[in-house]
Amino acid sequence: MHYLNISFSHKNSTIEIREKLSYPNEKDMHGCLSKLTSTEFIDESILISTCNRMEVLCSCSDIAGATDHIFKMLSMRAGISIEELEGRADIYDDSSAIHHIFSVASSLDSMVIGETQIAGQLKDAFRFSHDNGYCNKKLARTMKSAFRCAAKVRNATDISSKPVSMASVAVSKLKSLVDDLKGKKALVIGVGEMSDITARHLVNAGADVYIMNRTKHKAEALADLCGTKVIDYEQLPHAINEFDILFTATSSPVPIITDEIIHSCDFDRYWFDLALPRDINYHKGERINLYVIDDLKVIIDENLSHREDAAKAAHGIIGRAIVEFFESLASLDIEPIIKEIYEKAYEAALVESNRVISKGFIPKEYEDEAKKMCEQTLKRFLHEMTSSMRNSNDESNSSISTNMMNIFSKSIEKSTKPDFIKG
């Protein structure tokens, strides 16, 4: 079994490419994961699709076959040649795939280093795949280890001491453009975590904030939490021409704001499109200052420089977590063999105790005690050896354990377990 991760992110792909590769809703995600696991090469898969990345993490029997299958599928989805996709993608396999997903979970691979949103996005992606039968024990073990690693990074470093998100970076950019937000009318479209953070920052800055969403009761729920007002989604064509400030972060597969509904205004407007695919498809010069995710990179780069020391410490934690992960996998490989060794030993104890009783060496009334004595003797004999197998870390011990496992495995294959073990 191998691990494979194919990653398209803000590091290797433009927003246009990521937009074409995105899976914005559950129906699309079902389609992708079904196709991924339809090949003989892939047995489990997880799809991660956010504003800054689209990644496929899978366990597979053949890395080359699985890689070809994934690129063909993505090429058909996005209408981008396989050659271009291969040229852009970061491809990780086995230990490097584990290192990458641990880094992503710990927010070291995020556009905003230390942001807390990615952990929730990864958990949602894993939960969706697991609940719908696209991944099982192999990737579940991987993701749970990644989440434990991320928790260690947060607790042991200052990387998330002052939580930063794409939304907070966008509001910071707005504050650099507008001297005073007090009394400015701001429209937030969408009700996800990005919209929640944006609304709270704007309220704290004194803006007059309104929430808009296709499902009105969700907008009302967010407005109650943030202390804002609600405006009906049907008012979108009018609202975008009345508000000074607009933030949008919906999951719409198509733009919700286009040239057709944009009118000229006698005031400057500041629009932030934090969605992927983008919510705004705009080409006119109507005193609109439009910023998309990739436009915020300058602030994000500054954020990275401030967190370099914490990032270095985090990489050390990730390295140790990876070693622990693979040691745990080795232990899981050994445990079935150890179990069979003990079962074989108990079979021998049963045979020998029955033999001495049938020969009259031990009275019949001591049959149970004889069996217990044989089993306890074998337990004591096997304890040190099996403990060594579990704890072997260096190459020589690992080699000894492997040889022992092979010998016992061959012996077990030739034997038939007695009825009391089968039951």
Foldseek 3Di string as FASTA:
>chain_A
DKKKKKKFFPVQDDQLQLLLQADLDPVSVVVLLCQLCPDQFFQAWWWQGFSTMTMIITDGDDHVVSVVSNLVVSCVSRVNDSVVSVVRIDMDMHLRNLLVLLCQCLQVPPLQFQADVSVVSVVVRVCSRVVVVRHDDPVVLSNVLSNVLSVCLVVVFCRNVPHDDLLNLLVVVVCVVDVAQAAFEEEEEAQDPSSLVNLLVSVVRHHQYEYEYQDQVSSVVSCVVRVHHYDYPVCVLVVVQPGQEYEYEYSDSDAPAEPVSDDADPDAHEYEFEYRVTNYDYDDDRNYHYHYSVNSSVVSVVSCVVCVVSSVVSSVSSVVSSLVSVLVVQLVVCVVLVVLLLLVQLQVLLVVLVVCCVVVVDDPVCSVVSSVVSSVVVCVVCVVVSVLLSPPDDPVSVVVSVVVSVVSVVVSVPDDGDPVVVD
